[in-house]
């Protein structure tokens, strides 16, 4: 009797939910520390490290459940699935934060960004700044699909790297 092959979708969903939960906890931590306006390098690096760690653990768990065997395509499926599910949960939290918990999020973020923008562009007038802010507010929705795509591409890359590291083929005979 043949062994039942584990499903990549199950691992992607379970570990994607774990990634989403950890990302939301990280986001709440940033919110409570009033650091959620910043897009500093350290916050981005920590987010990518969390993503990479969860993808590695998920692909490794799939490999163990699959009798110690793993193909690159399976690693890619798990990596992209984890990243996609995690991104959806994180974006839902971001949506709730910016629209319900802190509806003036965009105004505060722009207020904090203004001194830096004025320093980089000393000949910018107040009117030009206001036009830029209004344009950015009208296109704020675009961040959701962009973040989803970027996270999925990161999941693809990290799944490929993990797959190359953990790959083990079944014997041909």
C-alpha atoms as a PDB file:
ATOM      1  CA  UNK A   1       0.000   0.000   0.000  1.00  0.00           C
ATOM      2  CA  UNK A   2       1.350   3.398  -1.000  1.00  0.00           C
ATOM      3  CA  UNK A   3       1.967   6.141   1.545  1.00  0.00           C
ATOM      4  CA  UNK A   4      -0.260   9.190   1.407  1.00  0.00           C
ATOM      5  CA  UNK A   5       1.650  12.221   0.088  1.00  0.00           C
ATOM      6  CA  UNK A   6       1.289  15.294   2.339  1.00  0.00           C
ATOM      7  CA  UNK A   7      -0.341  18.357   0.774  1.00  0.00           C
ATOM      8  CA  UNK A   8       1.739  21.509   0.343  1.00  0.00           C
ATOM      9  CA  UNK A   9      -1.398  23.628   0.821  1.00  0.00           C
ATOM     10  CA  UNK A  10      -1.907  22.348   4.365  1.00  0.00           C
ATOM     11  CA  UNK A  11       1.620  23.371   5.351  1.00  0.00           C
ATOM     12  CA  UNK A  12       1.321  26.704   3.541  1.00  0.00           C
ATOM     13  CA  UNK A  13      -1.927  27.498   5.349  1.00  0.00           C
ATOM     14  CA  UNK A  14      -0.799  26.410   8.813  1.00  0.00           C
ATOM     15  CA  UNK A  15       2.567  28.148   8.696  1.00  0.00           C
ATOM     16  CA  UNK A  16       1.073  31.146   6.861  1.00  0.00           C
ATOM     17  CA  UNK A  17      -1.355  31.574   9.751  1.00  0.00           C
ATOM     18  CA  UNK A  18       1.599  31.353  12.150  1.00  0.00           C
ATOM     19  CA  UNK A  19       3.475  33.967  10.095  1.00  0.00           C
ATOM     20  CA  UNK A  20       0.407  36.225  10.063  1.00  0.00           C
ATOM     21  CA  UNK A  21       0.004  35.895  13.823  1.00  0.00           C
ATOM     22  CA  UNK A  22       3.675  36.697  14.472  1.00  0.00           C
ATOM     23  CA  UNK A  23       3.519  39.638  12.051  1.00  0.00           C
ATOM     24  CA  UNK A  24       0.420  41.038  13.750  1.00  0.00           C
ATOM     25  CA  UNK A  25       2.081  40.680  17.165  1.00  0.00           C
ATOM     26  CA  UNK A  26       5.141  42.476  15.748  1.00  0.00           C
ATOM     27  CA  UNK A  27       2.855  45.191  14.338  1.00  0.00           C
ATOM     28  CA  UNK A  28       1.050  45.606  17.666  1.00  0.00           C
ATOM     29  CA  UNK A  29       4.427  45.835  19.386  1.00  0.00           C
ATOM     30  CA  UNK A  30       5.453  48.608  16.968  1.00  0.00           C
ATOM     31  CA  UNK A  31       2.102  50.336  17.549  1.00  0.00           C
ATOM     32  CA  UNK A  32       2.435  50.276  21.334  1.00  0.00           C
ATOM     33  CA  UNK A  33       5.944  51.713  21.046  1.00  0.00           C
ATOM     34  CA  UNK A  34       4.725  54.412  18.596  1.00  0.00           C
ATOM     35  CA  UNK A  35       7.153  53.037  15.987  1.00  0.00           C
ATOM     36  CA  UNK A  36       4.480  52.021  13.454  1.00  0.00           C
ATOM     37  CA  UNK A  37       5.031  55.199  11.425  1.00  0.00           C
ATOM     38  CA  UNK A  38       8.646  54.337  10.764  1.00  0.00           C
ATOM     39  CA  UNK A  39       9.798  52.247   7.855  1.00  0.00           C
ATOM     40  CA  UNK A  40      13.307  51.912   9.183  1.00  0.00           C
ATOM     41  CA  UNK A  41      15.775  49.407   7.810  1.00  0.00           C
ATOM     42  CA  UNK A  42      15.789  47.443  11.064  1.00  0.00           C
ATOM     43  CA  UNK A  43      11.999  46.919  10.976  1.00  0.00           C
ATOM     44  CA  UNK A  44      12.163  45.724   7.344  1.00  0.00           C
ATOM     45  CA  UNK A  45      15.103  43.395   8.089  1.00  0.00           C
ATOM     46  CA  UNK A  46      13.332  41.902  11.125  1.00  0.00           C
ATOM     47  CA  UNK A  47      10.193  41.319   9.024  1.00  0.00           C
ATOM     48  CA  UNK A  48      12.204  39.552   6.300  1.00  0.00           C
ATOM     49  CA  UNK A  49      14.056  37.433   8.884  1.00  0.00           C
ATOM     50  CA  UNK A  50      10.714  36.373  10.407  1.00  0.00           C
ATOM     51  CA  UNK A  51       9.412  35.485   6.929  1.00  0.00           C
ATOM     52  CA  UNK A  52      12.567  33.531   6.060  1.00  0.00           C
ATOM     53  CA  UNK A  53      12.534  31.623   9.356  1.00  0.00           C
ATOM     54  CA  UNK A  54       8.876  30.615   9.055  1.00  0.00           C
ATOM     55  CA  UNK A  55       9.328  29.527   5.420  1.00  0.00           C
ATOM     56  CA  UNK A  56      12.390  27.462   6.332  1.00  0.00           C
ATOM     57  CA  UNK A  57      10.550  25.792   9.223  1.00  0.00           C
ATOM     58  CA  UNK A  58       7.484  25.142   7.019  1.00  0.00           C
ATOM     59  CA  UNK A  59       9.497  23.599   4.158  1.00  0.00           C
ATOM     60  CA  UNK A  60      11.510  21.513   6.623  1.00  0.00           C
ATOM     61  CA  UNK A  61       8.297  20.277   8.291  1.00  0.00           C
ATOM     62  CA  UNK A  62       6.894  19.348   4.872  1.00  0.00           C
ATOM     63  CA  UNK A  63      10.094  17.464   4.070  1.00  0.00           C
ATOM     64  CA  UNK A  64       9.866  15.485   7.328  1.00  0.00           C
ATOM     65  CA  UNK A  65       6.185  14.680   6.689  1.00  0.00           C
ATOM     66  CA  UNK A  66       7.108  13.549   3.171  1.00  0.00           C
ATOM     67  CA  UNK A  67       9.480  10.855   4.384  1.00  0.00           C
ATOM     68  CA  UNK A  68      12.553  13.096   4.183  1.00  0.00           C
ATOM     69  CA  UNK A  69      12.077  13.904   0.493  1.00  0.00           C
ATOM     70  CA  UNK A  70      11.570  17.327  -1.032  1.00  0.00           C
ATOM     71  CA  UNK A  71      11.494  18.700  -4.546  1.00  0.00           C
ATOM     72  CA  UNK A  72      12.164  22.324  -5.400  1.00  0.00           C
ATOM     73  CA  UNK A  73       8.622  22.738  -6.745  1.00  0.00           C
ATOM     74  CA  UNK A  74       7.185  21.577  -3.402  1.00  0.00           C
ATOM     75  CA  UNK A  75       9.444  24.027  -1.558  1.00  0.00           C
ATOM     76  CA  UNK A  76       8.319  26.821  -3.893  1.00  0.00           C
ATOM     77  CA  UNK A  77       4.646  26.000  -3.317  1.00  0.00           C
ATOM     78  CA  UNK A  78       5.060  25.987   0.455  1.00  0.00           C
ATOM     79  CA  UNK A  79       7.196  29.172   0.430  1.00  0.00           C
ATOM     80  CA  UNK A  80       4.812  31.165  -1.748  1.00  0.00           C
ATOM     81  CA  UNK A  81       1.765  29.859   0.126  1.00  0.00           C
ATOM     82  CA  UNK A  82       3.193  30.779   3.521  1.00  0.00           C
ATOM     83  CA  UNK A  83       4.146  34.261   2.290  1.00  0.00           C
ATOM     84  CA  UNK A  84       0.741  34.816   0.671  1.00  0.00           C
ATOM     85  CA  UNK A  85      -1.329  33.732   3.676  1.00  0.00           C
ATOM     86  CA  UNK A  86       0.925  35.707   6.035  1.00  0.00           C
ATOM     87  CA  UNK A  87       0.686  38.813   3.839  1.00  0.00           C
ATOM     88  CA  UNK A  88      -3.115  38.642   3.695  1.00  0.00           C
ATOM     89  CA  UNK A  89      -3.374  38.482   7.486  1.00  0.00           C
ATOM     90  CA  UNK A  90      -0.834  41.278   7.917  1.00  0.00           C
ATOM     91  CA  UNK A  91      -2.654  43.472   5.401  1.00  0.00           C
ATOM     92  CA  UNK A  92      -5.960  42.860   7.183  1.00  0.00           C
ATOM     93  CA  UNK A  93      -4.331  44.057  10.412  1.00  0.00           C
ATOM     94  CA  UNK A  94      -2.861  47.076   8.585  1.00  0.00           C
ATOM     95  CA  UNK A  95      -6.287  47.894   7.127  1.00  0.00           C
ATOM     96  CA  UNK A  96      -7.960  47.697  10.563  1.00  0.00           C
ATOM     97  CA  UNK A  97      -5.167  49.786  12.110  1.00  0.00           C
ATOM     98  CA  UNK A  98      -5.257  52.580   9.533  1.00  0.00           C
ATOM     99  CA  UNK A  99      -9.042  52.739   9.117  1.00  0.00           C
ATOM    100  CA  UNK A 100     -10.498  51.926  12.529  1.00  0.00           C
ATOM    101  CA  UNK A 101      -7.918  51.904  15.334  1.00  0.00           C
ATOM    102  CA  UNK A 102      -6.081  55.008  14.140  1.00  0.00           C
ATOM    103  CA  UNK A 103      -8.055  56.694  11.344  1.00  0.00           C
ATOM    104  CA  UNK A 104      -5.680  59.666  11.232  1.00  0.00           C
ATOM    105  CA  UNK A 105      -2.691  57.367  10.612  1.00  0.00           C
ATOM    106  CA  UNK A 106      -1.958  58.846   7.174  1.00  0.00           C
ATOM    107  CA  UNK A 107      -2.053  62.430   8.462  1.00  0.00           C
ATOM    108  CA  UNK A 108       0.366  61.637  11.294  1.00  0.00           C
ATOM    109  CA  UNK A 109       2.685  59.718   8.971  1.00  0.00           C
ATOM    110  CA  UNK A 110       2.774  62.653   6.548  1.00  0.00           C
ATOM    111  CA  UNK A 111       3.370  65.073   9.404  1.00  0.00           C
ATOM    112  CA  UNK A 112       6.364  63.014  10.540  1.00  0.00           C
ATOM    113  CA  UNK A 113       7.693  62.725   6.966  1.00  0.00           C
ATOM    114  CA  UNK A 114       7.435  66.456   6.223  1.00  0.00           C
ATOM    115  CA  UNK A 115      10.687  67.671   7.873  1.00  0.00           C
ATOM    116  CA  UNK A 116      12.711  65.000   6.091  1.00  0.00           C
ATOM    117  CA  UNK A 117      11.081  65.793   2.735  1.00  0.00           C
ATOM    118  CA  UNK A 118      11.637  69.523   3.193  1.00  0.00           C
ATOM    119  CA  UNK A 119      15.288  68.926   4.089  1.00  0.00           C
ATOM    120  CA  UNK A 120      15.804  66.808   0.966  1.00  0.00           C
ATOM    121  CA  UNK A 121      13.997  69.346  -1.252  1.00  0.00           C
ATOM    122  CA  UNK A 122      14.693  72.804   0.211  1.00  0.00           C
ATOM    123  CA  UNK A 123      12.993  74.625  -2.693  1.00  0.00           C
ATOM    124  CA  UNK A 124       9.681  72.778  -2.184  1.00  0.00           C
ATOM    125  CA  UNK A 125       6.824  75.104  -1.326  1.00  0.00           C
ATOM    126  CA  UNK A 126       4.087  74.403   1.200  1.00  0.00           C
ATOM    127  CA  UNK A 127       1.583  74.231  -1.666  1.00  0.00           C
ATOM    128  CA  UNK A 128       3.665  71.599  -3.475  1.00  0.00           C
ATOM    129  CA  UNK A 129       3.885  69.590  -0.248  1.00  0.00           C
ATOM    130  CA  UNK A 130       0.091  69.705   0.203  1.00  0.00           C
ATOM    131  CA  UNK A 131      -0.461  68.599  -3.416  1.00  0.00           C
ATOM    132  CA  UNK A 132       1.915  65.685  -2.879  1.00  0.00           C
ATOM    133  CA  UNK A 133       0.154  64.682   0.331  1.00  0.00           C
ATOM    134  CA  UNK A 134      -3.267  64.742  -1.341  1.00  0.00           C
ATOM    135  CA  UNK A 135      -1.960  62.658  -4.245  1.00  0.00           C
ATOM    136  CA  UNK A 136      -0.406  60.154  -1.865  1.00  0.00           C
ATOM    137  CA  UNK A 137      -3.648  59.877   0.108  1.00  0.00           C
ATOM    138  CA  UNK A 138      -5.643  59.205  -3.046  1.00  0.00           C
ATOM    139  CA  UNK A 139      -3.265  56.394  -4.033  1.00  0.00           C
ATOM    140  CA  UNK A 140      -2.860  54.882  -0.545  1.00  0.00           C
ATOM    141  CA  UNK A 141      -4.894  51.807  -1.557  1.00  0.00           C
ATOM    142  CA  UNK A 142      -2.133  50.787  -3.994  1.00  0.00           C
ATOM    143  CA  UNK A 143       0.065  49.711  -1.078  1.00  0.00           C
ATOM    144  CA  UNK A 144      -2.100  46.621  -0.479  1.00  0.00           C
ATOM    145  CA  UNK A 145      -1.559  44.877  -3.840  1.00  0.00           C
ATOM    146  CA  UNK A 146       2.071  46.028  -3.942  1.00  0.00           C
ATOM    147  CA  UNK A 147       2.803  44.537  -0.512  1.00  0.00           C
ATOM    148  CA  UNK A 148       0.981  41.345  -1.496  1.00  0.00           C
ATOM    149  CA  UNK A 149       3.060  41.005  -4.673  1.00  0.00           C
ATOM    150  CA  UNK A 150       6.331  41.845  -2.920  1.00  0.00           C
ATOM    151  CA  UNK A 151       5.653  39.316  -0.153  1.00  0.00           C
ATOM    152  CA  UNK A 152       4.776  36.638  -2.706  1.00  0.00           C
ATOM    153  CA  UNK A 153       7.990  37.288  -4.659  1.00  0.00           C
ATOM    154  CA  UNK A 154       9.975  37.150  -1.406  1.00  0.00           C
ATOM    155  CA  UNK A 155       8.235  33.850  -0.590  1.00  0.00           C
ATOM    156  CA  UNK A 156       9.197  32.546  -4.030  1.00  0.00           C
ATOM    157  CA  UNK A 157      12.849  33.516  -3.565  1.00  0.00           C
ATOM    158  CA  UNK A 158      13.036  32.204  -0.001  1.00  0.00           C
ATOM    159  CA  UNK A 159      11.207  29.000  -1.001  1.00  0.00           C
ATOM    160  CA  UNK A 160      13.709  28.481  -3.823  1.00  0.00           C
ATOM    161  CA  UNK A 161      16.703  29.027  -1.543  1.00  0.00           C
ATOM    162  CA  UNK A 162      15.232  26.722   1.102  1.00  0.00           C
ATOM    163  CA  UNK A 163      14.366  24.138  -1.549  1.00  0.00           C
ATOM    164  CA  UNK A 164      17.918  24.193  -2.883  1.00  0.00           C
ATOM    165  CA  UNK A 165      19.281  23.720   0.638  1.00  0.00           C
ATOM    166  CA  UNK A 166      16.872  20.950   1.721  1.00  0.00           C
ATOM    167  CA  UNK A 167      16.263  19.207  -1.624  1.00  0.00           C
ATOM    168  CA  UNK A 168      16.355  15.413  -1.532  1.00  0.00           C
ATOM    169  CA  UNK A 169      15.067  13.310  -4.404  1.00  0.00           C
ATOM    170  CA  UNK A 170      13.619   9.819  -4.170  1.00  0.00           C
ATOM    171  CA  UNK A 171      15.722   7.053  -5.641  1.00  0.00           C
ATOM    172  CA  UNK A 172      14.864   6.259  -9.277  1.00  0.00           C
ATOM    173  CA  UNK A 173      14.808   2.478  -8.874  1.00  0.00           C
END
